[in-house]
Every structure is written in structure tokens, then in C-alpha cells.
Amino acid sequence: MTRPDPTFERLVSGSRLRLRGKSAFFATLLLHADIVPSHEVLLAGTDGERVYVNPENAATLSADSFDGLLLHEVLHAALSHVPRRGPREKQKWNRAANLIVNGMVAQAGLPVPPDAARDEHLEQLSVEEVYVSLGESEGDDGDSDLMDGPPGDVPPKGEKSGDVKRQWDQALAQARSVEAMTGKGDDPLGMHRELRRLESARLDWRSQLWRFLARTPVDFGGFDRRFVGRGLYLEALDDESLRALIAVDTSGSVDDDAVRALISEVQGVLGAYPHVQATLYYADTEAYGPFELRPGDEIPPPQGGGGTDFKPVFLAAETAEPDVILYLTDGYGDFPAQAPRAPTLWVVPPGGLEDSGFPFGDVLRLEDGQ
């Protein structure tokens, strides 16, 4: 397998950084994409699961052109353009999908290739509608960037197509959530027919968690209005500007699956948004920690197991001064007399206390089986 070298990784990470300054929506999609090098693609392509980039050829592009190239392929993957083709003619379908994606890339303020097809009317339709509207292909349109599988120098990943679609649907929902939290209305696809099929989808607890943790702006040239009074400006990705305190009730009423589900999702946020840092506390009638959380790290073994008292964690928060607090608990315990200064999200498994029983903060409910 061809492994990413540092030069390729810098190329991709630089593009992700630049996209953060243009669009919260597009940047979040790019953060979810698995981008790998391949010398068997001419420039770039996708099989709907991963995006493949020829590192040598891509390195010759300008920064804006490379950003547009990555966004082009990520949008193909996110919008399921590969599996939606079905029995349709491959080259014609690729032309239809490219026409739509070229319009989206242009709306993001990025360049499309000089010979890229554009049609301001057709590119607002669904890919199926564009396919019907196009005439027959005249000969071979060249290499398709919508691939039936990975290139020969990249082994298959092995995920089921249904799992891939769910992951991209989740990424799109999270992109919408992050964009909504910026208050900038910079989702250029809000009324696009390609996304209307997702409008009825319920925002599950994972997307709500991302929405809470990723409420800082993707445009790092600006600032988060919540932090103005404290003088915290988000001007560089390396600044650890959002500090989250994660507390887990270990009194015995929260099962291990819920703990793993929450912490793994928090780790996903940390991997996608490096400006967010998190510390973990376990708690019963005492607070145990803090433990630093990092993407991919093993979850520290739980401590505690007695009764439930929320006050020790919020006492620790007074010293740590986190920007946000997440507390996984069933809600049955002793609350502090005063609400903390930091916004608080109670993450409650099935059977937990009713929303009205929490004296402050917002309540997020895990679904059955989580």
C-alpha cells in the first residue's frame, strides 16, 4: 500500500485549513473525507468511500486549484454520486455529476478547470435530472473521476455501501449543524435539489453533540461571539481556543456502551477540530481526573462506583474554567445550587431524568442501543 508521506499530508492539511476560512459547510465535509495518495489516478477520483489523489500531479496545482479539486471529489462522495449511478451509462452520468459539482465548487469561490462544463440552470437540479437532460456522449470523455473501486495501488477498505452512505449522510448533517452555529448562512447548497432528500432526516444525538462542540466559527479570521467578553480570539488553528470538560457518571447507572459511544464521538470532534481540547473526569460522589482526551487514544478506565453527586465536577470546573461542559449521567443525583458559567450539555441515556428535572443547561438524549 502506498502510504502518505509528509509532503502529501501537508498538501492535504493545508487545503483543509484554507477551506475553513471559506465555508463552515464545505470545510466540515472535507474534514470527514478519507484522502489517500494513488499514482494510478491521473489527478484525482473517488469511489464514493475515499478520495484518491495523485500526489505528484496535484502538487503542480495552485493552492486554490488544489482546494477546488479536493472539494470537487469530496462532494461527489458526500452526495453518493457513485452508488446512485445504478445501471446508467457511466460517462454520461459522470458528465452530469461533474456539471453539478462544478457549480458547487464555483459557489464556494474556488476555481474550476478552464474546460469544465457549466450550466447555471442544470447545475441547480439533481444529478438524475441532469442526466436525462444531457445528450448522448460523443465518444470517450476521458478518464472518469467516479470510480467503481479503489485504484490498484490502494487496497479495498471493506466497508459495506450502506455504512458508507450513513457515514456521509451523518457528515452532511454535521456540516449543516456546524454551518448553522456560525450564524453566517454560508451553506450554498441549502436549497439545492441534491440535498432535499436529506431534509427529513432526524438530527441524531451525534450530530447534536457536534453542533454543541463545534459551535466556534470555521472562519479563523473572525471570532466567536461567545468569547468576546473574555478576549479569546480564534485567529490560528494551533490555538487551543475551546476547552471542553467531559464528565462521566460512574455511579453504576450509566452503562459502558454509552460511555464508549460518547467518548469516541468526542474524540472524533477533537480529530476534526484541532482547536478543541478536552479533559475527562469520572465522578460518583467525588471527581476523578482530569484525564486528557486525544483522538484515537484508549479511554481511561472508569473510576468510582458509589452514589451520585454532581457538585464535585462543577467545583473542578470553577478552577479549570472550561468553555463548555458535557456531563454523561442519568440525572439522578445532587445538583449544585448555582449554574456554572460555562454552557452545559447533559447527555442522558434512555431511562434518565426528564428534561425538566435538570436545573440548568441543555439536555441531549442518547437513543436506545447506544
Protein backbone atom coordinates (compact mmCIF):
# COMPACT_ATOMS: atom_id res chain seq x y z
CA MET A 1 0.00 0.00 0.00
CA THR A 2 1.20 3.49 -0.84
CA ARG A 3 1.45 5.43 2.42
CA PRO A 4 1.03 9.20 2.70
CA ASP A 5 4.36 10.94 3.01
CA PRO A 6 4.78 14.17 4.99
CA THR A 7 4.67 16.27 1.83
CA PHE A 8 1.32 14.81 0.81
CA GLU A 9 -0.08 15.20 4.31
CA ARG A 10 0.96 18.86 4.38
CA LEU A 11 -0.67 19.35 0.97
CA VAL A 12 -3.99 17.98 2.21
CA SER A 13 -3.91 19.63 5.63
CA GLY A 14 -3.14 22.98 4.01
CA SER A 15 -6.23 22.64 1.86
CA ARG A 16 -8.38 21.77 4.87
CA LEU A 17 -7.12 24.87 6.65
CA ARG A 18 -7.89 27.14 3.71
CA LEU A 19 -11.39 25.71 3.31
CA ARG A 20 -12.08 26.51 6.97
CA GLY A 21 -11.67 30.15 6.10
CA LYS A 22 -14.18 29.98 3.24
CA SER A 23 -17.11 27.85 4.32
CA ALA A 24 -18.11 26.04 7.51
CA PHE A 25 -20.24 23.67 5.47
CA PHE A 26 -17.61 22.65 2.93
CA ALA A 27 -14.80 22.57 5.50
CA THR A 28 -16.70 20.09 7.68
CA LEU A 29 -17.28 17.78 4.72
CA LEU A 30 -13.58 17.92 3.85
CA LEU A 31 -12.66 17.06 7.44
CA HIS A 32 -14.69 13.84 7.17
CA ALA A 33 -13.09 12.74 3.90
CA ASP A 34 -10.53 9.95 3.80
CA ILE A 35 -7.98 11.31 1.29
CA VAL A 36 -5.25 8.90 0.20
CA PRO A 37 -2.46 9.08 -2.41
CA SER A 38 -2.51 6.97 -5.54
CA HIS A 39 -0.19 7.00 -8.55
CA GLU A 40 -2.79 5.19 -10.67
CA VAL A 41 -5.18 8.13 -10.94
CA LEU A 42 -4.30 10.90 -13.36
CA LEU A 43 -5.15 13.69 -10.94
CA ALA A 44 -7.96 12.70 -8.53
CA GLY A 45 -11.02 10.50 -8.25
CA THR A 46 -13.37 8.84 -5.79
CA ASP A 47 -15.15 5.51 -5.42
CA GLY A 48 -17.64 7.13 -3.05
CA GLU A 49 -15.82 5.82 0.02
CA ARG A 50 -12.42 7.53 -0.26
CA VAL A 51 -10.84 10.28 -2.35
CA TYR A 52 -7.70 9.37 -4.29
CA VAL A 53 -5.14 11.99 -5.31
CA ASN A 54 -2.01 11.69 -7.45
CA PRO A 55 0.49 13.45 -5.18
CA GLU A 56 2.99 14.49 -7.85
CA ASN A 57 0.45 15.88 -10.31
CA ALA A 58 -1.62 17.56 -7.60
CA ALA A 59 1.48 19.31 -6.23
CA THR A 60 1.82 21.21 -9.52
CA LEU A 61 -1.54 22.96 -9.00
CA SER A 62 -2.00 26.35 -7.38
CA ALA A 63 -3.41 26.32 -3.84
CA ASP A 64 -6.87 27.44 -4.98
CA SER A 65 -6.96 24.91 -7.80
CA PHE A 66 -5.98 22.09 -5.45
CA ASP A 67 -8.68 23.17 -2.97
CA GLY A 68 -11.24 23.12 -5.76
CA LEU A 69 -10.06 19.69 -6.87
CA LEU A 70 -10.41 18.19 -3.39
CA LEU A 71 -13.80 19.79 -2.82
CA HIS A 72 -14.97 18.50 -6.22
CA GLU A 73 -14.17 14.89 -5.30
CA VAL A 74 -15.42 15.16 -1.71
CA LEU A 75 -18.78 16.47 -2.94
CA HIS A 76 -19.07 13.54 -5.35
CA ALA A 77 -18.52 11.18 -2.41
CA ALA A 78 -20.76 13.03 0.05
CA LEU A 79 -23.63 13.19 -2.44
CA SER A 80 -23.36 9.45 -3.22
CA HIS A 81 -22.75 10.07 -6.91
CA VAL A 82 -21.05 6.68 -7.34
CA PRO A 83 -23.73 4.34 -5.93
CA ARG A 84 -26.60 6.46 -7.31
CA ARG A 85 -25.50 5.78 -10.87
CA GLY A 86 -27.01 2.31 -10.90
CA PRO A 87 -27.30 0.90 -14.45
CA ARG A 88 -26.93 4.31 -16.16
CA GLU A 89 -24.20 4.91 -18.73
CA LYS A 90 -21.02 5.68 -16.83
CA GLN A 91 -19.52 8.54 -18.86
CA LYS A 92 -22.81 10.37 -19.24
CA TRP A 93 -23.50 10.04 -15.53
CA ASN A 94 -20.02 11.38 -14.76
CA ARG A 95 -20.70 14.38 -17.02
CA ALA A 96 -23.96 15.09 -15.19
CA ALA A 97 -22.38 14.76 -11.75
CA ASN A 98 -19.40 16.90 -12.75
CA LEU A 99 -21.67 19.65 -14.04
CA ILE A 100 -23.45 19.86 -10.68
CA VAL A 101 -20.27 19.70 -8.60
CA ASN A 102 -18.50 22.28 -10.77
CA GLY A 103 -21.29 24.71 -9.93
CA MET A 104 -20.96 23.98 -6.22
CA VAL A 105 -17.18 24.48 -6.29
CA ALA A 106 -17.64 27.80 -8.10
CA GLN A 107 -20.21 28.87 -5.49
CA ALA A 108 -17.56 28.20 -2.85
CA GLY A 109 -15.36 30.80 -4.55
CA LEU A 110 -12.88 28.25 -5.87
CA PRO A 111 -11.67 27.87 -9.46
CA VAL A 112 -12.86 25.10 -11.73
CA PRO A 113 -10.72 23.92 -14.68
CA PRO A 114 -10.97 26.23 -17.73
CA ASP A 115 -12.58 23.47 -19.81
CA ALA A 116 -15.04 22.43 -17.07
CA ALA A 117 -18.67 22.28 -18.18
CA ARG A 118 -21.03 24.82 -16.60
CA ASP A 119 -24.76 25.41 -16.96
CA GLU A 120 -26.36 27.73 -14.41
CA HIS A 121 -29.78 26.10 -14.84
CA LEU A 122 -28.83 22.43 -14.94
CA GLU A 123 -26.36 22.64 -12.08
CA GLN A 124 -29.24 23.51 -9.71
CA LEU A 125 -31.01 20.22 -10.48
CA SER A 126 -30.45 16.73 -9.14
CA VAL A 127 -27.90 14.59 -10.93
CA GLU A 128 -30.67 12.29 -12.17
CA GLU A 129 -32.46 15.24 -13.78
CA VAL A 130 -29.25 16.48 -15.38
CA TYR A 131 -28.52 13.01 -16.74
CA VAL A 132 -31.89 12.94 -18.54
CA SER A 133 -31.31 16.43 -19.93
CA LEU A 134 -27.90 15.69 -21.41
CA GLY A 135 -27.44 14.41 -24.92
CA GLU A 136 -25.59 11.23 -25.70
CA SER A 137 -21.81 11.28 -25.14
CA GLU A 138 -19.79 11.87 -28.27
CA GLY A 139 -17.05 9.31 -27.93
CA ASP A 140 -14.96 8.82 -24.82
CA ASP A 141 -14.93 11.76 -22.41
CA GLY A 142 -11.63 10.54 -20.94
CA ASP A 143 -10.98 9.08 -17.54
CA SER A 144 -13.96 9.18 -15.20
CA ASP A 145 -13.29 10.51 -11.72
CA LEU A 146 -16.21 8.41 -10.44
CA MET A 147 -14.56 5.05 -9.93
CA ASP A 148 -16.04 1.59 -9.43
CA GLY A 149 -13.47 0.76 -6.76
CA PRO A 150 -10.10 1.83 -5.41
CA PRO A 151 -7.13 2.11 -7.77
CA GLY A 152 -4.75 -0.83 -7.98
CA ASP A 153 -2.18 0.60 -5.60
CA VAL A 154 -4.72 1.09 -2.77
CA PRO A 155 -6.27 -1.98 -1.10
CA PRO A 156 -10.05 -2.07 -0.57
CA LYS A 157 -11.27 -0.66 2.71
CA GLY A 158 -14.00 -3.24 3.01
CA GLU A 159 -16.93 -1.20 4.34
CA LYS A 160 -20.46 -2.01 3.20
CA SER A 161 -22.11 0.50 0.86
CA GLY A 162 -24.89 1.13 3.36
CA ASP A 163 -22.35 2.00 6.05
CA VAL A 164 -20.58 4.43 3.70
CA LYS A 165 -23.85 6.17 2.84
CA ARG A 166 -24.78 6.52 6.51
CA GLN A 167 -21.37 8.00 7.27
CA TRP A 168 -21.71 10.60 4.51
CA ASP A 169 -25.29 11.41 5.48
CA GLN A 170 -24.02 11.94 9.01
CA ALA A 171 -21.21 14.17 7.70
CA LEU A 172 -23.72 16.25 5.73
CA ALA A 173 -25.94 16.63 8.81
CA GLN A 174 -22.95 17.67 10.89
CA ALA A 175 -21.87 20.14 8.20
CA ARG A 176 -25.34 21.68 8.30
CA SER A 177 -25.20 21.84 12.10
CA VAL A 178 -21.78 23.49 12.19
CA GLU A 179 -22.76 25.96 9.50
CA ALA A 180 -25.93 26.87 11.39
CA MET A 181 -23.95 27.57 14.55
CA THR A 182 -21.73 30.11 12.78
CA GLY A 183 -24.79 32.25 12.05
CA LYS A 184 -23.28 33.23 8.72
CA GLY A 185 -25.69 31.36 6.46
CA ASP A 186 -22.85 30.29 4.22
CA ASP A 187 -24.31 26.93 3.20
CA PRO A 188 -24.53 27.45 -0.59
CA LEU A 189 -26.39 24.18 -1.00
CA GLY A 190 -29.29 24.90 1.31
CA MET A 191 -31.95 24.87 -1.41
CA HIS A 192 -30.15 22.54 -3.83
CA ARG A 193 -32.18 19.58 -5.02
CA GLU A 194 -29.23 17.29 -4.40
CA LEU A 195 -29.73 17.80 -0.66
CA ARG A 196 -33.51 17.99 -0.37
CA ARG A 197 -33.64 14.23 0.08
CA LEU A 198 -31.87 14.76 3.43
CA GLU A 199 -34.18 17.43 4.81
CA SER A 200 -36.50 14.98 6.54
CA ALA A 201 -33.65 13.14 8.24
CA ARG A 202 -33.71 13.44 12.01
CA LEU A 203 -30.68 15.06 13.58
CA ASP A 204 -29.43 12.28 15.85
CA TRP A 205 -27.56 12.70 19.10
CA ARG A 206 -24.15 12.55 17.43
CA SER A 207 -24.96 15.49 15.19
CA GLN A 208 -26.33 17.41 18.17
CA LEU A 209 -23.09 16.74 20.03
CA TRP A 210 -21.03 18.04 17.10
CA ARG A 211 -23.28 21.06 16.95
CA PHE A 212 -22.61 21.82 20.61
CA LEU A 213 -18.84 21.27 20.50
CA ALA A 214 -18.18 22.79 17.07
CA ARG A 215 -20.08 26.00 17.65
CA THR A 216 -16.94 28.08 17.15
CA PRO A 217 -16.56 29.59 13.67
CA VAL A 218 -14.76 27.76 10.93
CA ASP A 219 -13.51 31.13 9.70
CA PHE A 220 -10.50 31.55 11.97
CA GLY A 221 -10.05 35.10 10.72
CA GLY A 222 -13.11 36.05 12.75
CA PHE A 223 -14.12 35.37 16.31
CA ASP A 224 -16.74 33.56 18.30
CA ARG A 225 -19.25 35.99 19.78
CA ARG A 226 -19.48 33.86 22.94
CA PHE A 227 -15.83 34.61 23.72
CA VAL A 228 -15.69 38.35 23.01
CA GLY A 229 -16.02 39.34 26.65
CA ARG A 230 -13.19 37.02 27.63
CA GLY A 231 -10.90 38.19 24.84
CA LEU A 232 -10.48 34.76 23.29
CA TYR A 233 -9.92 35.22 19.56
CA LEU A 234 -9.70 32.30 17.20
CA GLU A 235 -7.04 33.53 14.81
CA ALA A 236 -4.88 30.42 14.44
CA LEU A 237 -5.67 26.73 14.21
CA ASP A 238 -2.86 25.92 16.63
CA ASP A 239 -4.50 27.94 19.41
CA GLU A 240 -6.33 25.56 21.74
CA SER A 241 -9.18 28.01 21.96
CA LEU A 242 -12.13 25.85 23.01
CA ARG A 243 -11.73 23.81 26.17
CA ALA A 244 -14.31 21.15 26.96
CA LEU A 245 -14.74 19.39 30.29
CA ILE A 246 -16.24 15.92 29.84
CA ALA A 247 -17.72 14.30 32.97
CA VAL A 248 -18.96 10.71 33.15
CA ASP A 249 -21.23 9.45 35.94
CA THR A 250 -19.72 6.19 37.22
CA SER A 251 -22.27 5.59 39.96
CA GLY A 252 -23.38 2.44 38.17
CA SER A 253 -26.44 3.81 36.40
CA VAL A 254 -24.66 4.59 33.10
CA ASP A 255 -23.57 1.54 31.10
CA ASP A 256 -20.19 1.08 29.42
CA ASP A 257 -21.63 1.23 25.90
CA ALA A 258 -22.97 4.74 26.49
CA VAL A 259 -19.60 5.83 27.88
CA ARG A 260 -17.71 4.43 24.90
CA ALA A 261 -20.18 5.91 22.40
CA LEU A 262 -19.94 9.40 23.91
CA ILE A 263 -16.17 9.49 24.34
CA SER A 264 -15.43 8.05 20.89
CA GLU A 265 -17.68 10.71 19.37
CA VAL A 266 -15.91 13.43 21.38
CA GLN A 267 -12.60 12.05 20.11
CA GLY A 268 -13.96 12.36 16.57
CA VAL A 269 -14.71 16.03 17.16
CA LEU A 270 -11.21 16.54 18.55
CA GLY A 271 -9.69 14.96 15.45
CA ALA A 272 -11.76 17.14 13.14
CA TYR A 273 -11.31 20.40 15.05
CA PRO A 274 -7.78 20.65 16.47
CA HIS A 275 -8.61 23.95 18.21
CA VAL A 276 -10.86 21.98 20.59
CA GLN A 277 -9.22 20.28 23.58
CA ALA A 278 -10.96 18.14 26.16
CA THR A 279 -10.34 16.77 29.63
CA LEU A 280 -12.24 13.89 31.15
CA TYR A 281 -13.46 13.39 34.72
CA TYR A 282 -15.16 10.32 36.16
CA ALA A 283 -17.49 11.04 39.05
CA ASP A 284 -19.71 9.49 41.67
CA THR A 285 -19.67 11.44 44.95
CA GLU A 286 -16.15 12.57 44.03
CA ALA A 287 -14.46 13.78 40.83
CA TYR A 288 -11.61 11.61 39.46
CA GLY A 289 -9.24 13.20 36.98
CA PRO A 290 -8.54 15.12 34.91
CA PHE A 291 -7.54 12.85 32.03
CA GLU A 292 -6.57 14.47 28.74
CA LEU A 293 -8.58 13.19 25.78
CA ARG A 294 -6.91 12.88 22.38
CA PRO A 295 -8.19 11.46 19.09
CA GLY A 296 -7.73 7.71 18.92
CA ASP A 297 -6.34 7.30 22.46
CA GLU A 298 -7.52 4.48 24.67
CA ILE A 299 -10.32 5.55 27.00
CA PRO A 300 -9.02 5.74 30.59
CA PRO A 301 -10.54 3.02 32.80
CA PRO A 302 -13.52 4.27 34.83
CA GLN A 303 -13.14 5.15 38.50
CA GLY A 304 -15.76 5.39 41.18
CA GLY A 305 -18.97 3.44 41.60
CA GLY A 306 -20.69 4.97 44.63
CA GLY A 307 -23.60 7.39 44.78
CA THR A 308 -24.13 10.43 42.56
CA ASP A 309 -23.22 14.00 43.44
CA PHE A 310 -22.73 16.49 40.60
CA LYS A 311 -21.17 19.19 42.79
CA PRO A 312 -17.52 17.91 42.75
CA VAL A 313 -17.32 18.15 38.95
CA PHE A 314 -18.70 21.66 38.86
CA LEU A 315 -16.34 22.62 41.68
CA ALA A 316 -13.47 21.35 39.49
CA ALA A 317 -14.88 23.40 36.62
CA GLU A 318 -14.57 26.57 38.68
CA THR A 319 -10.80 26.02 38.78
CA ALA A 320 -10.36 24.68 35.25
CA GLU A 321 -12.63 27.33 33.68
CA PRO A 322 -13.66 25.26 30.64
CA ASP A 323 -15.56 26.87 27.79
CA VAL A 324 -18.18 24.08 27.67
CA ILE A 325 -19.17 21.19 29.95
CA LEU A 326 -20.58 17.81 28.89
CA TYR A 327 -21.92 15.56 31.63
CA LEU A 328 -22.98 11.96 30.84
CA THR A 329 -25.44 10.89 33.53
CA ASP A 330 -28.93 9.56 34.12
CA GLY A 331 -29.57 12.76 36.09
CA TYR A 332 -30.39 11.16 39.43
CA GLY A 333 -28.15 12.92 41.93
CA ASP A 334 -27.47 16.12 43.84
CA PHE A 335 -27.13 19.26 41.72
CA PRO A 336 -25.12 22.36 42.67
CA ALA A 337 -27.08 25.35 43.93
CA GLN A 338 -25.81 27.62 41.15
CA ALA A 339 -25.32 27.04 37.45
CA PRO A 340 -21.73 27.19 36.15
CA ARG A 341 -20.56 29.99 33.90
CA ALA A 342 -19.80 27.56 31.07
CA PRO A 343 -22.64 26.27 28.84
CA THR A 344 -23.56 22.77 29.99
CA LEU A 345 -24.87 19.83 27.97
CA TRP A 346 -26.36 16.93 29.94
CA VAL A 347 -26.02 13.70 27.90
CA VAL A 348 -28.71 11.34 29.19
CA PRO A 349 -29.12 7.64 28.34
CA PRO A 350 -32.58 6.04 27.97
CA GLY A 351 -34.49 5.95 31.26
CA GLY A 352 -32.80 9.05 32.61
CA LEU A 353 -34.29 12.04 34.39
CA GLU A 354 -36.86 14.10 32.49
CA ASP A 355 -35.62 17.31 30.86
CA SER A 356 -37.50 19.44 33.37
CA GLY A 357 -35.53 17.85 36.22
CA PHE A 358 -32.25 19.45 35.15
CA PRO A 359 -31.97 22.89 36.79
CA PHE A 360 -29.72 24.35 34.09
CA GLY A 361 -28.11 23.52 30.76
CA ASP A 362 -29.38 21.70 27.69
CA VAL A 363 -30.31 18.02 27.54
CA LEU A 364 -29.20 15.61 24.81
CA ARG A 365 -30.73 12.15 24.90
CA LEU A 366 -28.93 9.05 23.69
CA GLU A 367 -31.02 6.64 21.67
CA ASP A 368 -31.82 3.09 22.69
CA GLY A 369 -28.93 0.78 21.97
CA GLN A 370 -26.27 3.49 22.38
